Structures are given as C-alpha cells and as structure tokens.
Amino acid sequence: MNSSEIARTLAELGNETRLDIFRALIKKGSDGMCISDIRDHLSIAASTLAFHLKGLTECGLITQEKAGRQTICRANLECLTTVLRQLEEECCSDQEVSAHERDTA
C-alpha cells in the first residue's frame, strides 16, 4: 500500500459512524450483516449508511456480496492488518543505532 492508500484507510476509520459500522461487522465475523440489519443496529438513516458503506467499500475495509435481494457486508480485516503491519515495519527505521548496540548485536 502506498501512503495515500494508508491515509485513506485510516481516514475512513477516523469517522465515528464508519468505525461503528466496521466494529459491528468485525463482531459478526464471516457471517457479516445485511445492510438493513446494520441500519437497525446503528439507528441511522439508509442514505447516511449508504454514504458510509461506499467509503468503507472503496478503500477495501469491507466487502459486499449480493444474496438474493439482500447485500451482505463483511469486514475485511486483511486490509486493516496490511496497514498496521506496514506501519509497524517502518517503526524506528530511521532511528540511529548506537555504537554499543551495533557491537552487541
């Protein structure tokens, strides 16, 4: 992931409603939730939910699958894990290593 993709992913989760949607989907696991259940669970308007689901889907944090007349949403934890791993790998990468640390390594 490049920096703009990481920023977009984190920005999507920086909104309280989108974070609530993502957390609800995480709790449901691979079963996911249909859109109407998410709406009822969070007590938000359908148009508001559609707006937030669009952002979460576009950045890859959730997937959607048609099941008859319903759309099932699922959290894509791999997307979030990828972002966190990439940030973790960069942790302290510019930190200078002291001569003592080099000698004992």
N, C-alpha and C. Protein backbone atom coordinates (compact mmCIF):
# COMPACT_ATOMS: atom_id res chain seq x y z
N MET A 1 0.84 -1.18 0.00
CA MET A 1 0.00 0.00 0.00
C MET A 1 0.88 1.24 0.00
N ASN A 2 0.48 2.23 -0.77
CA ASN A 2 1.23 3.48 -0.75
C ASN A 2 0.66 4.39 0.33
N SER A 3 1.33 5.52 0.54
CA SER A 3 0.94 6.43 1.62
C SER A 3 -0.49 6.93 1.48
N SER A 4 -0.92 7.23 0.27
CA SER A 4 -2.28 7.75 0.11
C SER A 4 -3.33 6.68 0.42
N GLU A 5 -3.04 5.42 0.09
CA GLU A 5 -3.97 4.33 0.41
C GLU A 5 -4.05 4.10 1.92
N ILE A 6 -2.90 4.18 2.58
CA ILE A 6 -2.88 4.04 4.04
C ILE A 6 -3.67 5.18 4.67
N ALA A 7 -3.43 6.40 4.22
CA ALA A 7 -4.14 7.56 4.77
C ALA A 7 -5.64 7.43 4.54
N ARG A 8 -6.03 6.99 3.38
CA ARG A 8 -7.46 6.85 3.07
C ARG A 8 -8.11 5.80 3.98
N THR A 9 -7.43 4.69 4.16
CA THR A 9 -7.96 3.62 5.01
C THR A 9 -8.13 4.11 6.45
N LEU A 10 -7.11 4.77 6.97
CA LEU A 10 -7.19 5.28 8.34
C LEU A 10 -8.21 6.40 8.45
N ALA A 11 -8.34 7.21 7.41
CA ALA A 11 -9.33 8.30 7.43
C ALA A 11 -10.76 7.74 7.49
N GLU A 12 -10.99 6.66 6.77
CA GLU A 12 -12.32 6.05 6.80
C GLU A 12 -12.68 5.61 8.22
N LEU A 13 -11.71 5.07 8.93
CA LEU A 13 -11.96 4.62 10.30
C LEU A 13 -11.93 5.77 11.30
N GLY A 14 -11.50 6.95 10.84
CA GLY A 14 -11.45 8.12 11.70
C GLY A 14 -12.81 8.78 11.91
N ASN A 15 -13.81 8.30 11.20
CA ASN A 15 -15.17 8.80 11.37
C ASN A 15 -15.90 7.86 12.31
N GLU A 16 -16.56 8.41 13.30
CA GLU A 16 -17.19 7.58 14.34
C GLU A 16 -18.24 6.62 13.77
N THR A 17 -19.05 7.08 12.83
CA THR A 17 -20.08 6.20 12.26
C THR A 17 -19.45 5.06 11.48
N ARG A 18 -18.44 5.37 10.67
CA ARG A 18 -17.78 4.30 9.90
C ARG A 18 -17.06 3.33 10.83
N LEU A 19 -16.47 3.84 11.89
CA LEU A 19 -15.83 2.97 12.87
C LEU A 19 -16.87 2.06 13.53
N ASP A 20 -18.03 2.61 13.85
CA ASP A 20 -19.10 1.80 14.44
C ASP A 20 -19.56 0.70 13.48
N ILE A 21 -19.68 1.03 12.21
CA ILE A 21 -20.07 0.04 11.20
C ILE A 21 -19.02 -1.06 11.14
N PHE A 22 -17.75 -0.67 11.05
CA PHE A 22 -16.67 -1.64 10.94
C PHE A 22 -16.61 -2.53 12.17
N ARG A 23 -16.77 -1.95 13.34
CA ARG A 23 -16.74 -2.74 14.58
C ARG A 23 -17.91 -3.73 14.63
N ALA A 24 -19.08 -3.28 14.20
CA ALA A 24 -20.24 -4.18 14.18
C ALA A 24 -19.98 -5.36 13.25
N LEU A 25 -19.37 -5.08 12.11
CA LEU A 25 -19.08 -6.15 11.15
C LEU A 25 -17.99 -7.09 11.66
N ILE A 26 -17.01 -6.56 12.35
CA ILE A 26 -15.97 -7.41 12.94
C ILE A 26 -16.60 -8.39 13.92
N LYS A 27 -17.53 -7.90 14.73
CA LYS A 27 -18.17 -8.75 15.72
C LYS A 27 -18.98 -9.87 15.09
N LYS A 28 -19.50 -9.65 13.90
CA LYS A 28 -20.29 -10.68 13.21
C LYS A 28 -19.42 -11.69 12.47
N GLY A 29 -18.15 -11.38 12.31
CA GLY A 29 -17.24 -12.33 11.66
C GLY A 29 -17.60 -12.60 10.23
N SER A 30 -17.39 -13.84 9.79
CA SER A 30 -17.61 -14.20 8.39
C SER A 30 -19.09 -14.23 8.01
N ASP A 31 -19.99 -14.24 9.01
CA ASP A 31 -21.42 -14.17 8.70
C ASP A 31 -21.80 -12.82 8.11
N GLY A 32 -21.13 -11.78 8.56
CA GLY A 32 -21.44 -10.43 8.09
C GLY A 32 -22.83 -10.00 8.52
N MET A 33 -23.28 -8.90 7.94
CA MET A 33 -24.60 -8.35 8.24
C MET A 33 -25.20 -7.80 6.97
N CYS A 34 -26.51 -7.95 6.83
CA CYS A 34 -27.17 -7.31 5.70
C CYS A 34 -27.32 -5.82 6.01
N ILE A 35 -27.43 -5.04 4.98
CA ILE A 35 -27.46 -3.58 5.14
C ILE A 35 -28.58 -3.14 6.07
N SER A 36 -29.76 -3.75 5.94
CA SER A 36 -30.87 -3.33 6.81
C SER A 36 -30.58 -3.64 8.28
N ASP A 37 -29.86 -4.72 8.56
CA ASP A 37 -29.51 -5.04 9.95
C ASP A 37 -28.50 -4.03 10.50
N ILE A 38 -27.56 -3.60 9.66
CA ILE A 38 -26.60 -2.57 10.09
C ILE A 38 -27.36 -1.28 10.41
N ARG A 39 -28.27 -0.91 9.52
CA ARG A 39 -29.06 0.31 9.71
C ARG A 39 -29.83 0.25 11.03
N ASP A 40 -30.50 -0.88 11.27
CA ASP A 40 -31.27 -1.03 12.51
C ASP A 40 -30.38 -1.05 13.75
N HIS A 41 -29.25 -1.73 13.64
CA HIS A 41 -28.32 -1.86 14.76
C HIS A 41 -27.78 -0.49 15.19
N LEU A 42 -27.47 0.36 14.20
CA LEU A 42 -26.88 1.66 14.49
C LEU A 42 -27.90 2.80 14.52
N SER A 43 -29.13 2.49 14.16
CA SER A 43 -30.20 3.50 14.14
C SER A 43 -29.82 4.73 13.31
N ILE A 44 -29.40 4.48 12.06
CA ILE A 44 -29.07 5.59 11.17
C ILE A 44 -29.90 5.48 9.90
N ALA A 45 -30.06 6.61 9.24
CA ALA A 45 -30.85 6.66 8.00
C ALA A 45 -30.18 5.86 6.90
N ALA A 46 -30.99 5.28 6.03
CA ALA A 46 -30.46 4.46 4.93
C ALA A 46 -29.50 5.25 4.04
N SER A 47 -29.81 6.50 3.76
CA SER A 47 -28.94 7.31 2.90
C SER A 47 -27.60 7.59 3.58
N THR A 48 -27.63 7.81 4.86
CA THR A 48 -26.39 8.03 5.62
C THR A 48 -25.55 6.75 5.63
N LEU A 49 -26.20 5.63 5.85
CA LEU A 49 -25.50 4.35 5.86
C LEU A 49 -24.88 4.07 4.49
N ALA A 50 -25.63 4.32 3.43
CA ALA A 50 -25.11 4.09 2.07
C ALA A 50 -23.86 4.91 1.82
N PHE A 51 -23.86 6.15 2.26
CA PHE A 51 -22.70 7.02 2.11
C PHE A 51 -21.48 6.43 2.81
N HIS A 52 -21.65 6.00 4.04
CA HIS A 52 -20.53 5.45 4.82
C HIS A 52 -20.08 4.09 4.28
N LEU A 53 -21.00 3.26 3.86
CA LEU A 53 -20.63 1.96 3.30
C LEU A 53 -19.82 2.12 2.02
N LYS A 54 -20.17 3.13 1.23
CA LYS A 54 -19.44 3.38 -0.02
C LYS A 54 -17.97 3.66 0.27
N GLY A 55 -17.71 4.52 1.24
CA GLY A 55 -16.32 4.83 1.58
C GLY A 55 -15.56 3.63 2.11
N LEU A 56 -16.19 2.86 2.98
CA LEU A 56 -15.55 1.67 3.54
C LEU A 56 -15.28 0.63 2.48
N THR A 57 -16.19 0.50 1.52
CA THR A 57 -16.03 -0.47 0.44
C THR A 57 -14.93 -0.03 -0.52
N GLU A 58 -14.93 1.24 -0.88
CA GLU A 58 -13.95 1.74 -1.85
C GLU A 58 -12.51 1.61 -1.36
N CYS A 59 -12.29 1.74 -0.06
CA CYS A 59 -10.92 1.61 0.44
C CYS A 59 -10.59 0.16 0.82
N GLY A 60 -11.55 -0.74 0.71
CA GLY A 60 -11.28 -2.15 0.93
C GLY A 60 -11.50 -2.66 2.34
N LEU A 61 -12.01 -1.81 3.22
CA LEU A 61 -12.22 -2.25 4.61
C LEU A 61 -13.40 -3.19 4.76
N ILE A 62 -14.35 -3.11 3.85
CA ILE A 62 -15.45 -4.07 3.87
C ILE A 62 -15.69 -4.61 2.47
N THR A 63 -16.29 -5.78 2.42
CA THR A 63 -16.72 -6.37 1.15
C THR A 63 -18.23 -6.48 1.18
N GLN A 64 -18.81 -6.50 0.00
CA GLN A 64 -20.25 -6.65 -0.11
C GLN A 64 -20.55 -7.77 -1.10
N GLU A 65 -21.56 -8.56 -0.74
CA GLU A 65 -21.96 -9.69 -1.58
C GLU A 65 -23.48 -9.73 -1.67
N LYS A 66 -23.98 -9.83 -2.89
CA LYS A 66 -25.43 -9.95 -3.09
C LYS A 66 -25.87 -11.36 -2.70
N ALA A 67 -26.95 -11.43 -1.92
CA ALA A 67 -27.53 -12.70 -1.52
C ALA A 67 -29.03 -12.56 -1.73
N GLY A 68 -29.47 -12.91 -2.92
CA GLY A 68 -30.87 -12.71 -3.26
C GLY A 68 -31.17 -11.23 -3.35
N ARG A 69 -32.11 -10.76 -2.55
CA ARG A 69 -32.47 -9.35 -2.55
C ARG A 69 -31.67 -8.54 -1.54
N GLN A 70 -30.84 -9.20 -0.78
CA GLN A 70 -30.07 -8.52 0.26
C GLN A 70 -28.61 -8.38 -0.15
N THR A 71 -27.94 -7.41 0.46
CA THR A 71 -26.50 -7.24 0.30
C THR A 71 -25.87 -7.50 1.66
N ILE A 72 -24.96 -8.47 1.69
CA ILE A 72 -24.27 -8.82 2.93
C ILE A 72 -22.93 -8.10 2.96
N CYS A 73 -22.67 -7.43 4.06
CA CYS A 73 -21.40 -6.72 4.25
C CYS A 73 -20.55 -7.50 5.25
N ARG A 74 -19.25 -7.55 4.96
CA ARG A 74 -18.32 -8.22 5.86
C ARG A 74 -17.08 -7.35 6.04
N ALA A 75 -16.53 -7.35 7.24
CA ALA A 75 -15.28 -6.64 7.50
C ALA A 75 -14.15 -7.38 6.79
N ASN A 76 -13.26 -6.62 6.18
CA ASN A 76 -12.07 -7.18 5.54
C ASN A 76 -10.88 -6.86 6.44
N LEU A 77 -10.66 -7.73 7.42
CA LEU A 77 -9.59 -7.49 8.38
C LEU A 77 -8.21 -7.51 7.74
N GLU A 78 -8.07 -8.20 6.63
CA GLU A 78 -6.78 -8.25 5.93
C GLU A 78 -6.34 -6.85 5.51
N CYS A 79 -7.28 -6.03 5.10
CA CYS A 79 -6.97 -4.65 4.71
C CYS A 79 -6.39 -3.89 5.90
N LEU A 80 -7.06 -3.94 7.02
CA LEU A 80 -6.58 -3.24 8.21
C LEU A 80 -5.26 -3.82 8.69
N THR A 81 -5.14 -5.13 8.67
CA THR A 81 -3.90 -5.78 9.09
C THR A 81 -2.73 -5.35 8.22
N THR A 82 -2.96 -5.23 6.92
CA THR A 82 -1.91 -4.80 6.00
C THR A 82 -1.42 -3.40 6.36
N VAL A 83 -2.35 -2.50 6.64
CA VAL A 83 -1.99 -1.13 7.02
C VAL A 83 -1.16 -1.14 8.30
N LEU A 84 -1.64 -1.86 9.30
CA LEU A 84 -0.94 -1.89 10.58
C LEU A 84 0.43 -2.54 10.48
N ARG A 85 0.54 -3.61 9.71
CA ARG A 85 1.85 -4.27 9.51
C ARG A 85 2.83 -3.33 8.83
N GLN A 86 2.36 -2.64 7.82
CA GLN A 86 3.24 -1.74 7.09
C GLN A 86 3.75 -0.62 8.01
N LEU A 87 2.87 -0.07 8.82
CA LEU A 87 3.29 0.96 9.77
C LEU A 87 4.25 0.39 10.81
N GLU A 88 3.98 -0.82 11.25
CA GLU A 88 4.84 -1.46 12.25
C GLU A 88 6.23 -1.73 11.68
N GLU A 89 6.30 -2.13 10.42
CA GLU A 89 7.59 -2.40 9.79
C GLU A 89 8.44 -1.14 9.68
N GLU A 90 7.79 0.00 9.59
CA GLU A 90 8.52 1.26 9.49
C GLU A 90 8.92 1.81 10.85
N CYS A 91 8.41 1.21 11.91
CA CYS A 91 8.68 1.70 13.26
C CYS A 91 10.19 1.72 13.51
N CYS A 92 10.68 2.87 13.90
CA CYS A 92 12.07 3.08 14.30
C CYS A 92 13.07 2.86 13.16
N SER A 93 12.61 2.82 11.92
CA SER A 93 13.52 2.54 10.80
C SER A 93 14.54 3.65 10.59
N ASP A 94 14.26 4.85 11.06
CA ASP A 94 15.20 5.96 10.92
C ASP A 94 15.98 6.24 12.21
N GLN A 95 15.74 5.40 13.19
CA GLN A 95 16.43 5.59 14.47
C GLN A 95 17.88 5.16 14.30
N GLU A 96 18.76 6.00 14.80
CA GLU A 96 20.18 5.67 14.70
C GLU A 96 20.53 4.63 15.75
N VAL A 97 21.35 3.69 15.37
CA VAL A 97 21.80 2.65 16.28
C VAL A 97 23.12 3.10 16.88
N SER A 98 23.22 3.05 18.20
CA SER A 98 24.44 3.48 18.86
C SER A 98 25.56 2.46 18.62
N ALA A 99 26.79 2.89 18.78
CA ALA A 99 27.94 2.01 18.59
C ALA A 99 27.85 0.81 19.53
N HIS A 100 27.39 1.02 20.74
CA HIS A 100 27.27 -0.07 21.73
C HIS A 100 26.25 -1.12 21.23
N GLU A 101 25.12 -0.63 20.72
CA GLU A 101 24.08 -1.56 20.22
C GLU A 101 24.60 -2.35 19.02
N ARG A 102 25.40 -1.71 18.16
CA ARG A 102 25.95 -2.42 17.00
C ARG A 102 26.93 -3.50 17.43
N ASP A 103 27.74 -3.18 18.43
CA ASP A 103 28.76 -4.11 18.90
C ASP A 103 28.16 -5.31 19.60
N THR A 104 27.01 -5.16 20.24
CA THR A 104 26.39 -6.27 20.97
C THR A 104 25.40 -7.04 20.10
N ALA A 105 25.13 -6.56 18.92
CA ALA A 105 24.15 -7.23 18.05
C ALA A 105 24.73 -8.40 17.32
